[in-house]
Protein backbone atom coordinates (compact mmCIF):
# COMPACT_ATOMS: atom_id res chain seq x y z
CA MET A 1 117.57 147.32 129.72
CA SER A 2 116.69 150.57 131.46
CA ASP A 3 115.26 153.55 129.60
CA THR A 4 117.13 155.93 131.92
CA PRO A 5 119.90 157.84 130.12
CA VAL A 6 123.31 156.48 131.15
CA SER A 7 124.48 159.94 132.21
CA GLU A 8 121.76 160.07 134.89
CA LEU A 9 122.72 156.78 136.57
CA SER A 10 124.70 156.48 139.79
CA PHE A 11 127.78 154.28 139.81
CA GLU A 12 125.87 151.51 141.56
CA GLN A 13 122.97 151.65 139.11
CA ALA A 14 125.30 151.66 136.12
CA MET A 15 127.31 148.72 137.48
CA ALA A 16 124.18 146.66 138.18
CA GLU A 17 122.83 147.33 134.70
CA LEU A 18 126.20 146.56 133.12
CA GLU A 19 126.23 143.18 134.88
CA LYS A 20 122.76 142.43 133.46
CA VAL A 21 123.83 143.48 129.96
CA VAL A 22 126.93 141.28 130.09
CA GLY A 23 124.84 138.36 131.33
CA GLN A 24 122.37 138.72 128.47
CA LEU A 25 125.13 138.96 125.89
CA GLU A 26 126.96 135.95 127.34
CA ARG A 27 123.80 133.81 127.23
CA GLY A 28 123.35 134.72 123.58
CA ASP A 29 119.59 134.40 123.77
CA VAL A 30 118.79 137.81 122.27
CA ALA A 31 118.24 138.77 118.64
CA LEU A 32 121.06 140.37 116.68
CA ASP A 33 119.53 143.87 116.70
CA GLU A 34 118.97 143.68 120.45
CA SER A 35 122.52 142.38 120.95
CA ILE A 36 123.89 145.40 119.12
CA ALA A 37 121.79 147.76 121.24
CA LEU A 38 122.86 145.94 124.42
CA TYR A 39 126.52 146.13 123.41
CA ASP A 40 126.23 149.86 122.71
CA ARG A 41 124.53 150.50 126.08
CA GLY A 42 127.10 148.30 127.82
CA ALA A 43 129.97 150.32 126.34
CA LYS A 44 128.37 153.55 127.60
CA LEU A 45 127.79 152.03 131.05
CA LYS A 46 131.41 150.83 131.22
CA LYS A 47 132.68 154.29 130.33
CA LEU A 48 130.49 155.93 132.99
CA CYS A 49 131.66 153.47 135.65
CA GLU A 50 135.31 154.08 134.74
CA GLU A 51 134.82 157.86 134.93
CA LYS A 52 133.09 157.70 138.31
CA LEU A 53 135.80 155.39 139.71
CA LYS A 54 138.51 157.77 138.49
CA GLU A 55 136.76 160.70 140.17
CA ALA A 56 136.50 158.76 143.43
CA GLU A 57 140.18 157.74 143.28
CA GLU A 58 141.20 161.36 142.75
CA LYS A 59 139.12 162.47 145.74
CA VAL A 60 140.66 159.79 147.96
CA ALA A 61 144.13 160.74 146.76
CA ALA A 62 143.41 164.34 147.77
CA ILE A 63 142.95 163.44 151.44
CA THR A 64 145.96 164.55 153.45
CA LEU A 65 147.09 162.82 156.62
CA ASP A 66 148.69 164.29 159.73
CA GLY A 67 151.75 162.85 161.45
CA ASP A 68 149.66 160.19 163.19
CA GLY A 69 148.04 159.05 159.95
CA ASN A 70 144.69 160.70 160.67
CA PRO A 71 142.84 162.63 157.97
CA ALA A 72 143.84 166.28 158.29
CA GLY A 73 142.05 167.82 155.35
CA LEU A 74 142.02 167.91 151.62
CA LYS A 75 144.55 169.16 149.16
CA PRO A 76 143.30 170.62 145.90
CA VAL A 77 143.24 168.21 142.98
CA GLU A 78 143.65 169.73 139.54
CA GLY A 79 140.64 169.35 137.29
CA LEU A 80 138.05 168.89 140.05
């Protein structure tokens, strides 16, 4: 488990760490206290990944296309 605060991780870093956390929990080869800490970190990583995906989806949705289907610019997205 990384010592880096979850809020400072990129999407890719958070996803990779989340996969490791899930793997450790599924194997069940960690002590109870460590399992609880892993679960807590995993929940934070999951939340961060979901937030970053939502932001990316909103940015993609903001791309406007011209008549030929080519990107023509961006339209403002509320909240960004």
